[in-house]
């Protein structure tokens, strides 16, 4: 089963399932196509944007569980 972890790069996560995009956007993470998305971990992006990484990881994984 696919699973998101905080240390994954945003670009890696998006490759798992494009249906994850709205979850990022709904949580205020809009930099999905920027160069940082390639080299920045989800944890780092959440810290920069003041987001709750654990909440976002849980939402992303809930989506993946439901849609696999």
Protein backbone atom coordinates (compact mmCIF):
# COMPACT_ATOMS: atom_id res chain seq x y z
CA UNK A 1 0.00 0.00 0.00
CA UNK A 2 1.15 3.51 -0.81
CA UNK A 3 1.77 5.63 2.26
CA UNK A 4 2.89 9.23 2.75
CA UNK A 5 5.56 10.07 5.32
CA UNK A 6 6.76 13.53 6.43
CA UNK A 7 10.23 12.97 4.97
CA UNK A 8 8.92 12.36 1.43
CA UNK A 9 9.44 15.04 -1.19
CA UNK A 10 6.26 16.75 -2.37
CA UNK A 11 6.98 15.65 -5.93
CA UNK A 12 7.19 12.00 -4.76
CA UNK A 13 3.84 12.29 -3.02
CA UNK A 14 2.16 13.75 -6.09
CA UNK A 15 3.40 10.80 -8.15
CA UNK A 16 1.48 8.43 -5.86
CA UNK A 17 -1.91 9.81 -6.90
CA UNK A 18 -2.87 13.09 -8.59
CA UNK A 19 -6.07 13.06 -6.53
CA UNK A 20 -3.95 14.25 -3.60
CA UNK A 21 -3.63 17.73 -5.13
CA UNK A 22 -6.88 19.12 -3.65
CA UNK A 23 -5.79 18.00 -0.17
CA UNK A 24 -2.60 20.04 -0.48
CA UNK A 25 -4.53 23.04 -1.77
CA UNK A 26 -7.24 22.78 0.91
CA UNK A 27 -4.50 22.83 3.55
CA UNK A 28 -2.89 25.98 2.13
CA UNK A 29 0.07 24.33 0.42
CA UNK A 30 0.03 25.84 -3.08
CA UNK A 31 3.68 25.35 -4.09
CA UNK A 32 3.11 21.99 -5.78
CA UNK A 33 4.73 23.02 -9.05
CA UNK A 34 7.50 25.23 -7.72
CA UNK A 35 11.14 24.13 -7.73
CA UNK A 36 11.04 23.62 -3.96
CA UNK A 37 8.52 20.81 -4.42
CA UNK A 38 11.22 18.71 -6.03
CA UNK A 39 13.78 19.00 -3.25
CA UNK A 40 11.75 19.92 -0.19
CA UNK A 41 10.26 17.34 2.17
CA UNK A 42 6.65 17.59 3.22
CA UNK A 43 7.80 18.29 6.77
CA UNK A 44 10.01 21.16 5.62
CA UNK A 45 7.23 22.64 3.48
CA UNK A 46 4.80 22.48 6.38
CA UNK A 47 7.29 24.21 8.67
CA UNK A 48 7.89 27.00 6.13
CA UNK A 49 4.15 27.54 5.64
CA UNK A 50 3.14 27.10 9.29
CA UNK A 51 1.06 23.98 8.64
CA UNK A 52 0.38 20.96 10.82
CA UNK A 53 2.37 18.23 9.07
CA UNK A 54 0.82 15.37 11.03
CA UNK A 55 -2.69 16.50 10.08
CA UNK A 56 -1.74 16.77 6.42
CA UNK A 57 -0.03 13.35 6.39
CA UNK A 58 -3.12 11.81 7.99
CA UNK A 59 -5.42 13.37 5.39
CA UNK A 60 -3.20 12.27 2.51
CA UNK A 61 -2.98 8.71 3.84
CA UNK A 62 -6.72 8.55 4.48
CA UNK A 63 -7.29 9.48 0.84
CA UNK A 64 -4.82 6.82 -0.34
CA UNK A 65 -6.44 4.14 1.87
CA UNK A 66 -9.87 4.96 0.50
CA UNK A 67 -8.80 5.14 -3.15
CA UNK A 68 -6.53 2.13 -3.57
